N, C-alpha and C. Protein backbone atom coordinates (compact mmCIF):
# COMPACT_ATOMS: atom_id res chain seq x y z
N UNK A 1 1.19 -0.96 0.13
CA UNK A 1 -0.21 -0.10 0.01
C UNK A 1 0.66 1.01 -0.08
N UNK A 2 0.52 2.12 -1.10
CA UNK A 2 1.81 3.33 -0.52
C UNK A 2 0.97 4.41 0.08
N UNK A 3 2.51 4.89 0.85
CA UNK A 3 2.25 5.60 2.26
C UNK A 3 1.97 6.99 1.82
N UNK A 4 0.83 7.30 2.49
CA UNK A 4 0.59 8.77 1.97
C UNK A 4 0.84 10.03 3.48
N UNK A 5 1.74 11.07 2.63
CA UNK A 5 2.49 11.47 3.16
C UNK A 5 1.04 12.96 3.75
N UNK A 6 1.52 12.94 4.60
CA UNK A 6 0.32 13.98 5.74
C UNK A 6 1.13 15.50 6.33
N UNK A 7 0.37 16.68 6.40
CA UNK A 7 0.80 17.42 6.91
C UNK A 7 0.03 17.78 8.23
N UNK A 8 -0.07 18.25 9.03
CA UNK A 8 -1.36 18.15 10.25
C UNK A 8 -1.28 20.15 10.41
N UNK A 9 -2.20 20.30 10.60
CA UNK A 9 -2.18 21.47 10.62
C UNK A 9 -3.12 21.92 11.88
N UNK A 10 -3.14 22.39 13.00
CA UNK A 10 -3.85 22.51 14.29
C UNK A 10 -3.45 23.58 15.12
N UNK A 11 -3.93 24.24 15.95
CA UNK A 11 -3.38 25.31 16.83
C UNK A 11 -3.11 25.24 18.27
N UNK A 12 -3.75 23.72 18.16
CA UNK A 12 -3.46 22.81 19.42
C UNK A 12 -2.43 21.73 19.86
N UNK A 13 -1.12 21.82 20.35
CA UNK A 13 0.10 21.11 20.12
C UNK A 13 -0.52 19.59 20.52
N UNK A 14 -1.21 19.69 21.78
CA UNK A 14 -1.48 18.26 21.82
C UNK A 14 -2.71 17.21 21.43
N UNK A 15 -3.15 18.51 20.53
CA UNK A 15 -4.26 17.28 19.78
C UNK A 15 -3.58 17.27 18.33
N UNK A 16 -2.41 17.79 17.96
CA UNK A 16 -1.74 17.71 16.68
C UNK A 16 -0.78 16.22 17.27
N UNK A 17 0.00 16.11 18.51
CA UNK A 17 0.62 14.91 19.05
C UNK A 17 -0.56 13.59 19.27
N UNK A 18 -1.64 13.52 19.45
CA UNK A 18 -2.63 12.89 19.32
C UNK A 18 -3.34 12.31 18.51
N UNK A 19 -3.33 13.18 17.15
CA UNK A 19 -3.53 12.29 16.13
C UNK A 19 -2.86 11.88 15.19
N UNK A 20 -1.47 12.45 15.70
CA UNK A 20 0.07 11.58 15.27
C UNK A 20 -0.04 9.95 15.71
N UNK A 21 -0.34 9.70 17.08
CA UNK A 21 -0.36 8.61 17.52
C UNK A 21 -1.62 8.02 17.21
N UNK A 22 -2.47 8.51 16.54
CA UNK A 22 -3.68 7.63 16.21
C UNK A 22 -3.58 6.77 15.32
N UNK A 23 -2.70 7.69 13.86
CA UNK A 23 -2.86 7.22 12.59
C UNK A 23 -1.76 5.91 12.56
N UNK A 24 -2.50 5.44 11.21
CA UNK A 24 -2.39 4.16 11.09
C UNK A 24 -0.51 4.06 10.68
N UNK A 25 -0.33 3.11 9.55
CA UNK A 25 1.31 2.65 9.11
C UNK A 25 0.97 3.08 8.00
N UNK A 26 -0.04 3.33 7.01
CA UNK A 26 0.01 3.72 6.01
C UNK A 26 -0.02 5.28 6.10
N UNK A 27 0.00 6.18 7.23
CA UNK A 27 0.31 7.30 6.86
C UNK A 27 1.64 7.95 7.22
N UNK A 28 2.38 8.84 6.94
CA UNK A 28 3.67 9.18 7.31
C UNK A 28 3.02 10.79 7.51
N UNK A 29 3.18 11.06 8.92
CA UNK A 29 3.18 12.91 9.10
C UNK A 29 4.32 13.34 8.89
N UNK A 30 4.66 13.64 7.38
CA UNK A 30 5.85 15.06 7.28
C UNK A 30 6.39 16.24 8.46
N UNK A 31 4.83 16.88 8.60
CA UNK A 31 5.16 18.07 9.38
C UNK A 31 4.14 18.06 10.36
N UNK A 32 3.92 19.75 10.57
CA UNK A 32 2.81 19.91 11.59
C UNK A 32 3.23 21.47 11.43
N UNK A 33 1.95 22.36 11.77
CA UNK A 33 1.74 23.58 11.31
C UNK A 33 0.67 24.11 12.72
N UNK A 34 0.53 25.74 13.41
CA UNK A 34 -0.08 25.75 14.32
C UNK A 34 -1.04 26.88 13.72
N UNK A 35 -0.70 27.70 12.50
CA UNK A 35 -1.10 28.79 12.29
C UNK A 35 -1.17 29.06 10.79
N UNK A 36 -1.88 29.99 10.30
CA UNK A 36 -1.71 29.89 8.53
C UNK A 36 -0.76 30.43 7.81
N UNK A 37 0.23 31.37 8.64
CA UNK A 37 1.25 31.26 7.79
C UNK A 37 2.04 30.41 7.76
N UNK A 38 2.18 29.19 8.80
CA UNK A 38 3.28 27.88 9.05
C UNK A 38 2.35 26.96 7.82
N UNK A 39 1.04 27.20 8.24
CA UNK A 39 0.73 26.05 7.23
C UNK A 39 0.77 26.06 5.68
N UNK A 40 0.91 27.43 5.27
CA UNK A 40 1.15 27.83 3.67
C UNK A 40 2.42 27.67 3.67
N UNK A 41 3.89 28.24 4.50
CA UNK A 41 5.26 28.12 4.37
C UNK A 41 5.46 26.24 4.17
N UNK A 42 4.82 25.51 5.30
CA UNK A 42 4.89 24.03 5.55
C UNK A 42 4.61 23.57 4.42
N UNK A 43 3.44 23.83 3.84
CA UNK A 43 2.70 23.13 2.63
C UNK A 43 3.93 23.40 1.41
N UNK A 44 4.09 24.77 1.33
CA UNK A 44 5.44 24.77 0.20
C UNK A 44 6.72 24.34 0.12
N UNK A 45 6.89 23.76 1.56
CA UNK A 45 7.92 23.01 1.40
C UNK A 45 8.29 21.85 1.70
N UNK A 46 7.05 21.32 2.10
CA UNK A 46 7.10 20.04 2.08
C UNK A 46 6.28 18.98 0.99
N UNK A 47 5.49 19.56 0.75
CA UNK A 47 4.79 19.16 -0.82
C UNK A 47 3.94 17.73 -0.22
N UNK A 48 3.28 17.63 0.82
CA UNK A 48 2.70 16.76 1.45
C UNK A 48 1.22 16.68 0.29
N UNK A 49 1.04 15.53 0.53
CA UNK A 49 -0.23 14.72 -0.48
C UNK A 49 -1.57 14.81 0.52
N UNK A 50 -1.57 15.39 1.73
CA UNK A 50 -2.44 15.31 2.12
C UNK A 50 -2.51 16.16 3.01
N UNK A 51 -3.65 17.58 3.59
CA UNK A 51 -3.34 18.16 4.72
C UNK A 51 -4.31 18.24 5.64
N UNK A 52 -4.38 17.73 6.48
CA UNK A 52 -5.63 17.67 7.56
C UNK A 52 -5.28 19.25 7.96
N UNK A 53 -6.55 19.81 7.65
CA UNK A 53 -7.10 21.13 8.24
C UNK A 53 -7.66 21.40 9.36
N UNK A 54 -7.40 22.29 10.55
CA UNK A 54 -8.29 22.63 11.45
C UNK A 54 -9.08 23.53 10.85
N UNK A 55 -10.04 24.29 11.41
CA UNK A 55 -11.18 25.24 10.76
C UNK A 55 -11.29 26.67 11.46
N UNK A 56 -10.47 26.52 12.74
CA UNK A 56 -10.32 27.70 13.35
C UNK A 56 -8.99 27.89 14.27
N UNK A 57 -8.12 28.59 13.24
CA UNK A 57 -7.09 29.27 13.89
C UNK A 57 -6.60 30.30 13.69
N UNK A 58 -5.88 30.55 14.40
CA UNK A 58 -5.07 32.15 14.52
C UNK A 58 -4.16 32.33 12.67
N UNK A 59 -4.49 34.04 12.38
CA UNK A 59 -4.49 34.02 10.74
C UNK A 59 -5.59 34.28 10.15
N UNK A 60 -6.50 33.66 10.02
CA UNK A 60 -8.00 33.55 9.21
C UNK A 60 -8.04 32.16 9.11
N UNK A 61 -7.80 31.23 9.79
CA UNK A 61 -8.52 29.63 10.00
C UNK A 61 -8.34 28.99 8.64
N UNK A 62 -8.95 27.81 8.84
CA UNK A 62 -8.79 27.26 7.49
C UNK A 62 -9.00 27.47 6.12
N UNK A 63 -10.17 28.32 5.77
CA UNK A 63 -10.74 29.31 4.57
C UNK A 63 -9.45 29.81 3.71
N UNK A 64 -8.83 30.24 4.94
CA UNK A 64 -7.36 31.02 4.81
C UNK A 64 -6.33 30.65 4.37
N UNK A 65 -5.93 29.45 4.60
CA UNK A 65 -5.18 28.33 4.09
C UNK A 65 -5.84 27.98 2.67
N UNK A 66 -6.45 27.38 2.33
CA UNK A 66 -6.75 27.20 1.36
C UNK A 66 -6.70 28.42 0.28
N UNK A 67 -7.31 29.51 0.53
CA UNK A 67 -7.80 30.17 -0.60
C UNK A 67 -5.70 30.59 -0.70
N UNK A 68 -5.01 30.82 0.14
CA UNK A 68 -3.35 31.10 -0.37
C UNK A 68 -3.13 29.74 -0.99
N UNK A 69 -2.95 28.30 -0.76
CA UNK A 69 -2.63 27.17 -1.13
C UNK A 69 -3.04 27.21 -2.49
N UNK A 70 -4.36 26.99 -3.13
CA UNK A 70 -5.38 26.63 -3.66
C UNK A 70 -5.11 27.60 -5.17
N UNK A 71 -5.00 29.10 -4.53
CA UNK A 71 -5.16 29.92 -5.05
C UNK A 71 -3.82 30.16 -6.27
N UNK A 72 -2.54 29.60 -5.96
CA UNK A 72 -1.73 29.58 -6.24
C UNK A 72 -1.27 28.14 -7.09
N UNK A 73 -2.18 27.49 -6.84
CA UNK A 73 -2.06 26.39 -8.30
C UNK A 73 -1.75 24.99 -7.55
N UNK A 74 -1.53 25.14 -6.38
CA UNK A 74 -1.27 23.52 -5.85
C UNK A 74 -1.91 22.95 -5.96
N UNK A 75 -1.26 21.42 -5.93
CA UNK A 75 -2.58 20.42 -6.19
C UNK A 75 -2.45 19.59 -5.34
N UNK A 76 -2.52 19.90 -3.75
CA UNK A 76 -2.61 19.71 -2.23
C UNK A 76 -3.75 19.16 -1.98
N UNK A 77 -4.13 18.18 -1.77
CA UNK A 77 -5.47 17.61 -1.19
C UNK A 77 -5.80 17.92 0.44
N UNK A 78 -7.27 18.61 0.77
CA UNK A 78 -7.38 18.82 2.11
C UNK A 78 -8.78 18.02 3.06
N UNK A 79 -8.44 18.09 3.57
CA UNK A 79 -9.74 17.43 4.47
C UNK A 79 -9.29 18.05 5.56
N UNK A 80 -10.70 18.46 6.12
CA UNK A 80 -10.73 19.72 7.29
C UNK A 80 -11.26 18.44 8.37
N UNK A 81 -10.74 18.64 9.77
CA UNK A 81 -10.84 18.11 10.52
C UNK A 81 -11.13 19.52 11.76
N UNK A 82 -12.37 19.44 12.42
CA UNK A 82 -12.54 20.29 13.10
C UNK A 82 -13.93 19.86 14.31
N UNK A 83 -13.42 20.23 15.49
CA UNK A 83 -14.96 20.05 16.09
C UNK A 83 -15.80 20.84 16.49
N UNK A 84 -16.11 21.62 15.14
CA UNK A 84 -17.30 22.14 14.64
C UNK A 84 -17.74 21.68 13.53
N UNK A 85 -19.27 21.39 14.19
CA UNK A 85 -19.93 20.76 13.01
C UNK A 85 -21.40 21.82 12.59
N UNK A 86 -20.58 22.87 12.87
CA UNK A 86 -21.99 24.01 11.77
C UNK A 86 -21.47 23.41 10.61
N UNK A 87 -23.17 23.51 9.86
CA UNK A 87 -23.18 23.89 8.31
C UNK A 87 -22.66 25.04 7.38
N UNK A 88 -22.17 25.97 8.64
CA UNK A 88 -20.73 27.21 7.26
C UNK A 88 -20.31 27.02 7.30
N UNK A 89 -19.75 26.22 8.13
CA UNK A 89 -18.30 25.87 8.34
C UNK A 89 -18.09 24.68 7.33
N UNK A 90 -18.64 23.86 7.49
CA UNK A 90 -18.72 22.77 6.35
C UNK A 90 -17.92 23.32 5.06
N UNK A 91 -19.61 24.16 5.10
CA UNK A 91 -19.53 24.65 3.65
C UNK A 91 -18.99 25.84 3.18
N UNK A 92 -18.61 26.24 4.29
CA UNK A 92 -17.14 27.22 4.20
C UNK A 92 -15.72 26.75 3.18
N UNK A 93 -15.37 26.01 4.24
CA UNK A 93 -14.49 25.28 3.45
C UNK A 93 -13.97 24.26 2.23
N UNK A 94 -15.49 23.47 1.94
CA UNK A 94 -15.64 22.94 1.21
C UNK A 94 -15.55 23.69 -0.18
N UNK A 95 -16.72 24.66 0.10
CA UNK A 95 -16.67 25.48 -1.17
C UNK A 95 -15.38 26.33 -1.24
N UNK A 96 -14.40 26.30 -0.43
CA UNK A 96 -12.81 26.71 -0.61
C UNK A 96 -11.63 25.81 -1.24
N UNK A 97 -12.57 24.43 -1.20
CA UNK A 97 -11.35 24.09 -1.72
C UNK A 97 -11.19 22.17 -1.15
N UNK A 98 -11.72 22.52 0.24
CA UNK A 98 -11.27 21.37 0.59
C UNK A 98 -11.36 20.03 0.24
N UNK A 99 -11.59 18.86 -0.12
CA UNK A 99 -11.85 17.27 -0.38
C UNK A 99 -12.84 16.14 0.80
N UNK A 100 -12.94 17.39 1.78
CA UNK A 100 -13.50 16.54 2.87
C UNK A 100 -13.81 17.08 4.15
N UNK A 101 -14.53 16.59 5.03
CA UNK A 101 -14.51 17.36 6.46
C UNK A 101 -15.10 16.11 6.82
N UNK A 102 -14.63 16.23 8.58
CA UNK A 102 -15.12 15.50 9.49
C UNK A 102 -14.40 15.80 10.27
N UNK A 103 -15.12 15.24 11.62
CA UNK A 103 -15.40 15.84 12.91
C UNK A 103 -14.22 15.27 14.25
N UNK A 104 -13.91 16.28 14.75
CA UNK A 104 -13.14 14.92 15.99
C UNK A 104 -12.64 14.47 16.95
N UNK A 105 -14.22 13.89 16.40
CA UNK A 105 -15.08 12.47 17.22
C UNK A 105 -14.05 11.31 16.76
N UNK A 106 -14.00 11.47 15.46
CA UNK A 106 -13.92 10.29 14.49
C UNK A 106 -12.67 9.74 15.40
N UNK A 107 -12.48 8.42 15.28
CA UNK A 107 -11.43 7.53 15.69
C UNK A 107 -9.92 7.06 14.92
N UNK A 108 -9.21 6.66 15.41
CA UNK A 108 -8.24 6.77 14.39
C UNK A 108 -7.74 6.21 13.02
N UNK A 109 -8.77 4.67 13.71
CA UNK A 109 -8.85 4.10 11.61
C UNK A 109 -10.03 4.67 10.92
N UNK A 110 -11.37 5.53 11.88
CA UNK A 110 -11.25 5.94 10.47
C UNK A 110 -10.90 7.20 9.91
N UNK A 111 -9.90 8.14 10.71
CA UNK A 111 -9.38 9.08 10.44
C UNK A 111 -8.52 8.61 9.19
N UNK A 112 -7.70 8.12 9.52
CA UNK A 112 -6.38 7.33 8.67
C UNK A 112 -7.13 6.82 7.16
N UNK A 113 -8.52 6.18 7.19
CA UNK A 113 -8.86 5.51 5.79
C UNK A 113 -9.05 6.80 5.14
N UNK A 114 -9.81 8.16 5.92
CA UNK A 114 -10.30 9.27 5.33
C UNK A 114 -9.19 9.75 4.73
N UNK A 115 -8.03 9.71 5.12
CA UNK A 115 -6.90 10.20 4.80
C UNK A 115 -6.93 9.84 3.47
N UNK A 116 -6.49 8.28 3.07
CA UNK A 116 -6.41 7.44 1.90
C UNK A 116 -7.38 7.76 0.74
N UNK A 117 -8.69 7.73 1.41
CA UNK A 117 -9.45 7.80 0.49
C UNK A 117 -9.44 9.43 -0.22
N UNK A 118 -9.53 10.70 0.26
CA UNK A 118 -8.87 11.62 -0.25
C UNK A 118 -7.65 12.31 -1.08
N UNK A 119 -6.55 11.23 -0.54
CA UNK A 119 -5.67 11.07 -1.42
C UNK A 119 -5.66 10.70 -2.81
N UNK A 120 -6.41 9.78 -2.89
CA UNK A 120 -7.07 9.16 -3.90
C UNK A 120 -8.15 9.89 -4.69
N UNK A 121 -8.51 10.82 -4.36
CA UNK A 121 -9.23 11.67 -5.04
C UNK A 121 -10.95 11.27 -4.32
N UNK A 122 -10.70 11.00 -3.83
CA UNK A 122 -12.73 10.98 -2.69
C UNK A 122 -12.62 11.93 -2.24
N UNK A 123 -14.06 12.42 -2.27
CA UNK A 123 -14.72 13.35 -0.97
C UNK A 123 -15.14 12.11 -0.23
N UNK A 124 -14.52 13.00 1.36
CA UNK A 124 -15.16 12.19 2.74
C UNK A 124 -15.44 13.30 3.76
N UNK A 125 -16.94 12.58 4.19
CA UNK A 125 -17.93 13.64 4.93
C UNK A 125 -18.02 12.44 6.30
N UNK A 126 -18.08 12.94 7.36
CA UNK A 126 -18.73 12.45 8.48
C UNK A 126 -20.04 12.96 7.91
N UNK A 127 -20.70 11.09 8.68
CA UNK A 127 -22.08 11.15 8.16
C UNK A 127 -23.24 12.09 8.18
N UNK A 128 -23.32 12.40 8.87
CA UNK A 128 -24.50 13.76 9.50
C UNK A 128 -23.98 15.43 8.55
N UNK A 129 -22.94 15.46 8.16
CA UNK A 129 -21.92 16.45 7.26
C UNK A 129 -22.08 16.39 6.29
N UNK A 130 -22.74 15.62 5.44
CA UNK A 130 -22.79 15.33 4.02
C UNK A 130 -24.19 15.92 3.78
N UNK A 131 -25.05 15.77 4.66
CA UNK A 131 -26.43 16.65 4.11
C UNK A 131 -26.18 18.22 3.62
N UNK A 132 -25.31 18.57 4.76
CA UNK A 132 -25.10 20.14 4.69
C UNK A 132 -24.63 20.63 3.00
N UNK A 133 -23.57 19.45 2.84
CA UNK A 133 -22.92 20.00 1.41
C UNK A 133 -23.90 19.63 0.40
N UNK A 134 -24.53 18.58 0.06
CA UNK A 134 -25.69 18.29 -1.02
C UNK A 134 -26.88 19.69 -0.66
N UNK A 135 -27.20 19.96 0.53
CA UNK A 135 -28.17 21.10 0.68
C UNK A 135 -27.74 22.37 0.10
N UNK A 136 -26.43 22.97 0.73
CA UNK A 136 -26.02 23.90 0.14
C UNK A 136 -25.47 24.05 -1.61
N UNK A 137 -25.42 23.10 -2.31
CA UNK A 137 -24.84 23.01 -3.83
C UNK A 137 -26.25 22.62 -4.52
N UNK A 138 -27.64 22.37 -3.91
CA UNK A 138 -28.40 21.85 -4.78
C UNK A 138 -29.19 23.25 -4.98
N UNK A 139 -28.98 24.47 -3.48
CA UNK A 139 -29.53 25.57 -3.94
C UNK A 139 -28.85 26.98 -4.42
N UNK A 140 -29.18 27.35 -4.85
CA UNK A 140 -29.16 28.66 -5.55
C UNK A 140 -29.36 29.46 -4.80
N UNK A 141 -30.14 29.63 -3.82
CA UNK A 141 -29.86 31.13 -3.35
C UNK A 141 -29.25 30.88 -1.78
N UNK A 142 -28.38 32.55 -1.67
CA UNK A 142 -27.74 33.07 -1.05
C UNK A 142 -28.33 32.83 0.23
N UNK A 143 -27.37 32.25 1.63
CA UNK A 143 -27.91 32.31 2.52
C UNK A 143 -28.63 33.69 3.58
N UNK A 144 -29.03 33.85 4.36
CA UNK A 144 -29.90 35.19 5.29
C UNK A 144 -28.52 35.85 5.29
N UNK A 145 -28.57 37.06 5.22
CA UNK A 145 -27.04 37.57 6.21
C UNK A 145 -28.14 37.77 8.23
N UNK A 146 -26.85 37.75 8.70
CA UNK A 146 -27.62 37.82 10.03
C UNK A 146 -26.08 38.69 10.65
N UNK A 147 -26.39 40.09 10.22
CA UNK A 147 -25.62 41.00 11.19
C UNK A 147 -24.73 40.38 12.70
N UNK A 148 -25.68 40.19 13.55
CA UNK A 148 -25.76 39.58 14.94
C UNK A 148 -24.18 38.45 14.71
N UNK A 149 -25.00 37.29 14.11
CA UNK A 149 -24.40 36.09 14.01
C UNK A 149 -23.03 36.81 13.27
N UNK A 150 -23.04 37.12 12.38
CA UNK A 150 -21.32 37.85 11.51
C UNK A 150 -20.79 38.79 12.39
N UNK A 151 -21.17 39.23 13.58
CA UNK A 151 -20.25 39.98 14.64
C UNK A 151 -19.46 39.21 15.57
N UNK A 152 -19.46 37.39 15.17
CA UNK A 152 -19.15 36.57 16.55
C UNK A 152 -17.58 35.97 15.79
N UNK A 153 -16.56 35.82 16.56
CA UNK A 153 -15.95 35.57 15.87
C UNK A 153 -16.18 33.74 15.46
N UNK A 154 -14.90 33.11 15.02
CA UNK A 154 -15.78 31.23 14.46
C UNK A 154 -15.63 30.54 16.20
N UNK A 155 -14.21 31.13 17.10
CA UNK A 155 -14.31 30.15 18.48
C UNK A 155 -15.64 30.93 19.13
N UNK A 156 -16.27 32.22 19.20
CA UNK A 156 -16.92 32.67 19.87
C UNK A 156 -18.83 31.33 19.17
N UNK A 157 -18.69 31.59 17.88
CA UNK A 157 -19.79 30.67 17.62
C UNK A 157 -19.61 29.20 18.18
N UNK A 158 -18.66 28.69 18.17
CA UNK A 158 -18.01 27.17 18.77
C UNK A 158 -18.34 27.33 20.33
N UNK A 159 -18.15 28.06 20.94
CA UNK A 159 -18.33 28.29 22.54
C UNK A 159 -20.22 28.49 22.92
N UNK A 160 -20.78 29.57 21.52
CA UNK A 160 -21.89 29.65 21.84
C UNK A 160 -22.69 28.21 21.38
N UNK A 161 -22.30 27.75 20.72
CA UNK A 161 -23.05 26.19 20.25
C UNK A 161 -23.25 25.34 21.49
N UNK A 162 -21.84 25.36 22.07
CA UNK A 162 -21.67 23.84 23.45
C UNK A 162 -22.64 25.03 24.19
N UNK A 163 -22.55 26.12 24.66
CA UNK A 163 -23.40 26.49 25.69
C UNK A 163 -25.00 26.18 25.48
N UNK A 164 -25.17 26.29 24.22
CA UNK A 164 -26.70 25.76 23.82
C UNK A 164 -26.94 24.89 24.08
N UNK A 165 -25.40 23.89 23.92
CA UNK A 165 -26.42 22.47 23.69
C UNK A 165 -25.93 21.65 25.46
N UNK A 166 -25.95 22.97 26.33
CA UNK A 166 -25.94 22.83 28.05
C UNK A 166 -24.22 22.01 28.41
N UNK A 167 -23.94 21.99 27.97
CA UNK A 167 -22.35 21.87 28.41
C UNK A 167 -21.84 23.20 29.65
N UNK A 168 -21.08 22.39 30.39
CA UNK A 168 -20.67 23.04 31.51
C UNK A 168 -19.19 23.66 31.24
N UNK A 169 -18.59 25.19 31.49
CA UNK A 169 -18.10 25.94 31.02
C UNK A 169 -16.48 24.40 30.82
N UNK A 170 -16.37 23.47 31.94
CA UNK A 170 -15.27 23.06 32.29
C UNK A 170 -15.16 21.68 30.47
N UNK A 171 -16.66 21.55 30.39
CA UNK A 171 -16.73 20.69 29.49
C UNK A 171 -16.70 20.84 28.28
N UNK A 172 -16.93 22.43 27.86
CA UNK A 172 -16.55 22.68 26.64
C UNK A 172 -15.58 23.52 26.43
N UNK A 173 -14.33 24.11 28.04
CA UNK A 173 -13.11 24.01 27.50
C UNK A 173 -12.42 22.34 27.26
N UNK A 174 -12.53 21.41 27.61
CA UNK A 174 -12.29 20.24 27.61
C UNK A 174 -12.25 19.82 25.87
N UNK A 175 -13.68 20.70 25.68
CA UNK A 175 -13.87 19.77 24.28
C UNK A 175 -13.27 20.54 23.06
N UNK A 176 -12.54 21.93 23.55
CA UNK A 176 -12.10 22.76 22.68
C UNK A 176 -10.71 23.01 22.22
N UNK A 177 -9.62 22.61 24.04
CA UNK A 177 -8.74 22.88 23.65
C UNK A 177 -8.29 23.59 24.35
N UNK A 178 -9.31 24.11 25.00
CA UNK A 178 -9.07 25.51 25.94
C UNK A 178 -9.14 25.75 27.55
N UNK A 179 -8.75 26.90 28.19
CA UNK A 179 -8.85 26.91 29.24
C UNK A 179 -10.30 27.23 30.13
N UNK A 180 -10.51 26.81 30.61
CA UNK A 180 -12.27 27.59 31.63
C UNK A 180 -11.77 28.85 31.10
N UNK A 181 -11.15 29.56 31.76
CA UNK A 181 -10.83 31.37 31.75
C UNK A 181 -10.98 31.66 30.28
N UNK A 182 -10.56 31.10 29.43
CA UNK A 182 -10.68 31.25 27.97
C UNK A 182 -12.24 31.36 27.75
N UNK A 183 -12.67 30.69 28.09
CA UNK A 183 -14.25 30.27 27.71
C UNK A 183 -15.30 30.90 28.23
N UNK A 184 -14.81 31.39 29.83
CA UNK A 184 -15.52 32.07 30.44
C UNK A 184 -15.51 33.78 29.64
N UNK A 185 -14.01 34.20 29.21
CA UNK A 185 -13.67 35.36 28.02
C UNK A 185 -14.86 35.24 26.86
N UNK A 186 -14.69 33.73 26.14
CA UNK A 186 -15.80 34.25 25.12
C UNK A 186 -17.30 34.42 25.13
N UNK A 187 -17.36 33.93 26.23
CA UNK A 187 -19.04 33.82 26.53
C UNK A 187 -19.42 35.59 26.94
N UNK A 188 -18.78 35.79 27.96
CA UNK A 188 -18.34 37.13 28.37
C UNK A 188 -18.51 38.26 26.86
N UNK A 189 -17.50 38.21 26.14
CA UNK A 189 -17.72 39.09 24.81
C UNK A 189 -19.05 38.60 23.76
N UNK A 190 -19.64 36.92 23.58
CA UNK A 190 -21.25 37.29 23.43
C UNK A 190 -22.40 37.45 23.53
N UNK A 191 -21.93 37.91 25.25
CA UNK A 191 -23.26 38.26 25.45
C UNK A 191 -23.33 39.58 25.39
N UNK A 192 -21.99 40.36 25.67
CA UNK A 192 -21.80 42.03 25.22
C UNK A 192 -22.03 42.16 23.80
N UNK A 193 -21.47 41.52 23.05
CA UNK A 193 -22.54 41.52 21.65
C UNK A 193 -23.58 41.30 20.94
N UNK A 194 -24.44 40.53 21.70
CA UNK A 194 -25.66 40.00 21.26
C UNK A 194 -26.46 41.23 22.55
N UNK A 195 -25.79 41.80 23.63
CA UNK A 195 -26.59 42.22 24.33
C UNK A 195 -27.27 41.28 25.36
N UNK A 196 -27.13 40.70 25.50
CA UNK A 196 -27.75 39.37 26.16
C UNK A 196 -27.38 39.43 27.88
N UNK A 197 -28.40 38.77 29.13
CA UNK A 197 -27.64 38.74 30.24
C UNK A 197 -27.01 37.83 30.74
N UNK A 198 -27.44 36.39 30.27
CA UNK A 198 -26.83 35.01 30.27
C UNK A 198 -26.82 34.09 29.82
N UNK A 199 -26.40 32.80 30.51
CA UNK A 199 -26.28 31.50 29.40
C UNK A 199 -27.76 30.82 28.68
N UNK A 200 -28.85 31.23 29.33
CA UNK A 200 -30.71 30.85 29.28
C UNK A 200 -30.67 31.94 28.00
N UNK A 201 -30.44 32.97 28.16
CA UNK A 201 -30.81 34.12 26.53
C UNK A 201 -29.90 33.59 25.76
N UNK A 202 -28.68 32.99 25.77
CA UNK A 202 -28.38 32.87 24.87
C UNK A 202 -28.26 31.59 24.48
N UNK A 203 -28.82 30.56 24.76
CA UNK A 203 -29.41 29.14 24.45
C UNK A 203 -30.52 29.21 23.79
N UNK A 204 -31.08 30.12 24.32
CA UNK A 204 -32.71 30.55 23.11
C UNK A 204 -32.73 31.32 21.78
N UNK A 205 -31.17 32.44 22.07
CA UNK A 205 -31.06 33.25 20.77
C UNK A 205 -30.34 31.93 19.73
N UNK A 206 -29.66 30.76 19.95
CA UNK A 206 -28.73 30.32 19.46
C UNK A 206 -29.86 29.06 18.56
N UNK A 207 -30.71 28.69 19.70
CA UNK A 207 -31.79 27.59 18.95
C UNK A 207 -32.87 28.27 18.15
N UNK A 208 -33.05 29.54 18.51
CA UNK A 208 -34.00 30.73 17.59
C UNK A 208 -33.76 30.55 16.06
N UNK A 209 -31.40 30.45 15.77
CA UNK A 209 -31.19 30.38 14.87
C UNK A 209 -30.87 29.10 14.13
N UNK A 210 -31.32 27.75 15.06
CA UNK A 210 -31.04 26.56 14.55
C UNK A 210 -29.79 26.58 14.58
N UNK A 211 -28.76 26.87 15.48
CA UNK A 211 -27.33 26.61 15.38
C UNK A 211 -26.99 25.97 16.27
N UNK A 212 -27.62 24.99 17.24
CA UNK A 212 -27.50 24.01 18.04
C UNK A 212 -27.23 22.73 17.46
């Protein structure tokens, strides 16, 4: 079996190490990157077969990496690997040129298989995400603009969704690989931007917009 050369792009070192440990023998990790600039540089230097790409990172996120790399004519293939299962994140990176999107709940065996398939030209999605992509490309209508939602950063949206799903701050911190203090900071920022008072109002706001 051909060995697939992979670059892991994620802003959490411990997560990158965990992915390395879980991948099968058919995968050779040739490098790592933690933000947009280092990812673009590593792809140019190492020429991997597949880039495992986090959606939310410093410097513009996965979509910025796709724009800069694929815009230069590179033929590298991208597989998005993210904690987010939000429709706008999935559709955004697929429109940007990624060949697939899987969530971080995926097993090591499943991720290895997904990488191999993407390297062979297949499109790969976690089961519940495929519907987002089909719906998006079947529709010719642009999604409605929501100024309040657009005011939030990608990380704030992730925290908001988990709050709305009933996660405690410690659970959110574990899920997103950030500190509880950082979670509290994001929640305060979201409350301020949306002019809401507490997490219960946040939950109702997110539910009303089908973000849960």
